[in-house]
Amino acid sequence: HAMIEGDEIIYHDRYNIGVAVDTPDGLLVPVLADVDEMSLSDIARQMGDLVARAKDRKLTPAGLSGGTFTISNIGVLGGDFANQVVPRGTTAIISIGRITEEAVVREGVVEVAPQMPLSATFDHRALDGGAAQRFINELRANLEEPALFLAE
């Protein structure tokens, strides 16, 4: 939630999430502003609206700027992992791969379970690797147990 400008680290006071959208005219990254102040249902509704407007080329320049973190859902295109480049103005991007059914071992028993790969790139000039990994661990825990997203 920072950016590098020259030799300076500039910390943002807002959480604006850029969402990569594959459109007929190429990749666009509309921005959900102030997501930390939204409910999950608000985020879902606004993201659906942004994606639709991106595909219809109905976004304003303001709707495409100000992101502090980027999410790319490569899974919708059949992708698993990506070696992504951190977008200008941000210090991190995470890609979500396609969900597949795979054999997993839980408490010594092999079972089939949905698996979703995540890949992330962080600008280590602004983010410590340990903090970045703790973020990924927390995200993973929340994705494995969605009720955690609702916990305060």
Protein backbone atom coordinates (compact mmCIF):
# COMPACT_ATOMS: atom_id res chain seq x y z
CA HIS A 1 0.00 0.00 0.00
CA ALA A 2 2.86 2.20 -1.09
CA MET A 3 4.68 3.18 -4.24
CA ILE A 4 8.21 3.98 -5.28
CA GLU A 5 8.74 7.39 -6.83
CA GLY A 6 12.38 8.03 -7.64
CA ASP A 7 14.27 7.13 -4.47
CA GLU A 8 11.28 7.73 -2.18
CA ILE A 9 8.71 5.35 -0.76
CA ILE A 10 5.31 7.03 -0.69
CA TYR A 11 2.75 5.41 1.59
CA HIS A 12 -0.91 5.61 0.59
CA ASP A 13 -3.64 6.34 3.09
CA ARG A 14 -6.23 4.58 0.93
CA TYR A 15 -6.79 0.99 -0.16
CA ASN A 16 -7.61 1.14 -3.87
CA ILE A 17 -7.59 -2.23 -5.59
CA GLY A 18 -6.92 -2.46 -9.32
CA VAL A 19 -8.65 -5.42 -10.96
CA ALA A 20 -7.14 -6.66 -14.22
CA VAL A 21 -9.86 -7.17 -16.85
CA ASP A 22 -9.37 -8.90 -20.20
CA THR A 23 -11.37 -6.90 -22.75
CA PRO A 24 -11.75 -7.30 -26.51
CA ASP A 25 -9.41 -4.30 -26.87
CA GLY A 26 -6.77 -5.54 -24.40
CA LEU A 27 -6.07 -5.45 -20.69
CA LEU A 28 -7.62 -2.70 -18.57
CA VAL A 29 -7.24 -2.25 -14.82
CA PRO A 30 -10.24 -0.44 -13.31
CA VAL A 31 -9.86 0.58 -9.66
CA LEU A 32 -12.13 -0.09 -6.69
CA ALA A 33 -11.50 2.88 -4.38
CA ASP A 34 -11.49 2.65 -0.59
CA VAL A 35 -12.24 -1.08 -0.39
CA ASP A 36 -11.36 -1.07 3.31
CA GLU A 37 -14.54 0.92 3.90
CA MET A 38 -16.80 -1.49 1.92
CA SER A 39 -18.67 -4.63 2.84
CA LEU A 40 -17.99 -7.81 0.86
CA SER A 41 -21.33 -7.43 -0.93
CA ASP A 42 -20.46 -3.82 -1.86
CA ILE A 43 -17.08 -4.97 -3.21
CA ALA A 44 -18.70 -7.75 -5.26
CA ARG A 45 -21.37 -5.43 -6.67
CA GLN A 46 -18.96 -2.63 -7.54
CA MET A 47 -16.43 -5.03 -9.03
CA GLY A 48 -19.12 -6.51 -11.27
CA ASP A 49 -20.04 -3.00 -12.40
CA LEU A 50 -16.40 -2.05 -13.06
CA VAL A 51 -15.71 -5.22 -15.04
CA ALA A 52 -18.82 -4.66 -17.18
CA ARG A 53 -17.89 -1.01 -17.82
CA ALA A 54 -14.31 -2.01 -18.65
CA LYS A 55 -15.49 -4.56 -21.22
CA ASP A 56 -17.88 -1.98 -22.71
CA ARG A 57 -15.08 0.66 -22.73
CA LYS A 58 -17.20 2.96 -20.56
CA LEU A 59 -14.62 3.80 -17.88
CA THR A 60 -13.30 7.28 -17.31
CA PRO A 61 -9.56 7.91 -16.85
CA ALA A 62 -10.28 8.43 -13.12
CA GLY A 63 -11.74 4.91 -12.97
CA LEU A 64 -8.45 3.53 -14.25
CA SER A 65 -6.08 5.33 -11.90
CA GLY A 66 -5.14 5.46 -8.25
CA GLY A 67 -4.71 1.74 -7.60
CA THR A 68 -2.49 0.79 -4.66
CA PHE A 69 -2.60 -3.02 -5.14
CA THR A 70 -3.55 -5.12 -8.18
CA ILE A 71 -5.45 -8.41 -8.49
CA SER A 72 -5.38 -10.48 -11.67
CA ASN A 73 -7.71 -13.45 -12.06
CA ILE A 74 -5.80 -15.46 -14.66
CA GLY A 75 -7.93 -18.48 -13.76
CA VAL A 76 -10.86 -17.24 -15.84
CA LEU A 77 -8.60 -17.61 -18.89
CA GLY A 78 -7.40 -21.08 -17.80
CA GLY A 79 -4.14 -19.88 -16.25
CA ASP A 80 -2.49 -21.35 -13.19
CA PHE A 81 0.56 -19.28 -12.25
CA ALA A 82 2.00 -16.03 -13.58
CA ASN A 83 5.26 -14.15 -13.30
CA GLN A 84 3.62 -10.76 -13.19
CA VAL A 85 5.20 -7.32 -13.22
CA VAL A 86 4.27 -4.90 -10.43
CA PRO A 87 2.14 -2.16 -12.03
CA ARG A 88 3.44 1.39 -11.86
CA GLY A 89 2.19 3.23 -8.80
CA THR A 90 1.78 0.07 -6.72
CA THR A 91 4.10 -2.26 -4.84
CA ALA A 92 2.29 -5.57 -5.30
CA ILE A 93 0.18 -7.71 -7.60
CA ILE A 94 -1.41 -11.06 -6.95
CA SER A 95 -2.66 -13.49 -9.59
CA ILE A 96 -5.38 -16.02 -8.88
CA GLY A 97 -5.20 -19.23 -10.91
CA ARG A 98 -7.95 -21.56 -12.02
CA ILE A 99 -9.53 -23.84 -9.47
CA THR A 100 -8.94 -27.54 -10.13
CA GLU A 101 -9.86 -30.71 -8.28
CA GLU A 102 -6.68 -32.37 -6.96
CA ALA A 103 -5.66 -35.13 -4.59
CA VAL A 104 -4.64 -33.72 -1.20
CA VAL A 105 -3.61 -35.37 2.06
CA ARG A 106 -5.52 -34.29 5.18
CA GLU A 107 -4.74 -35.96 8.50
CA GLY A 108 -3.19 -38.92 6.68
CA VAL A 109 -6.11 -39.46 4.32
CA VAL A 110 -6.00 -38.78 0.58
CA GLU A 111 -9.08 -36.96 -0.69
CA VAL A 112 -10.06 -34.83 -3.65
CA ALA A 113 -10.40 -31.12 -2.94
CA PRO A 114 -10.54 -27.89 -4.94
CA GLN A 115 -7.15 -26.16 -5.19
CA MET A 116 -6.53 -22.58 -6.32
CA PRO A 117 -2.97 -21.43 -6.99
CA LEU A 118 -1.90 -17.91 -6.06
CA SER A 119 1.19 -16.13 -7.34
CA ALA A 120 2.34 -12.77 -6.07
CA THR A 121 4.99 -10.21 -6.88
CA PHE A 122 6.05 -7.60 -4.34
CA ASP A 123 8.42 -4.67 -4.75
CA HIS A 124 10.95 -5.44 -2.01
CA ARG A 125 12.17 -1.86 -2.00
CA ALA A 126 8.93 -1.01 -0.17
CA LEU A 127 7.81 -4.34 1.31
CA ASP A 128 9.79 -6.74 3.44
CA GLY A 129 9.64 -10.34 2.21
CA GLY A 130 8.53 -11.60 5.63
CA ALA A 131 5.60 -9.18 5.73
CA ALA A 132 4.67 -10.15 2.17
CA GLN A 133 4.66 -13.85 3.08
CA ARG A 134 2.58 -13.21 6.20
CA PHE A 135 0.05 -11.40 3.98
CA ILE A 136 -0.11 -14.41 1.63
CA ASN A 137 -0.50 -16.75 4.62
CA GLU A 138 -3.39 -14.63 5.97
CA LEU A 139 -5.03 -14.49 2.53
CA ARG A 140 -4.69 -18.26 2.19
CA ALA A 141 -6.25 -18.83 5.63
CA ASN A 142 -9.17 -16.55 4.72
CA LEU A 143 -9.72 -18.28 1.39
CA GLU A 144 -9.65 -21.71 3.04
CA GLU A 145 -12.08 -20.55 5.74
CA PRO A 146 -14.24 -17.74 4.23
CA ALA A 147 -15.87 -16.93 7.58
CA LEU A 148 -12.54 -15.36 8.58
CA PHE A 149 -13.20 -12.55 6.08
CA LEU A 150 -16.15 -11.56 8.24
CA ALA A 151 -14.24 -11.67 11.54
CA GLU A 152 -13.15 -8.39 13.05
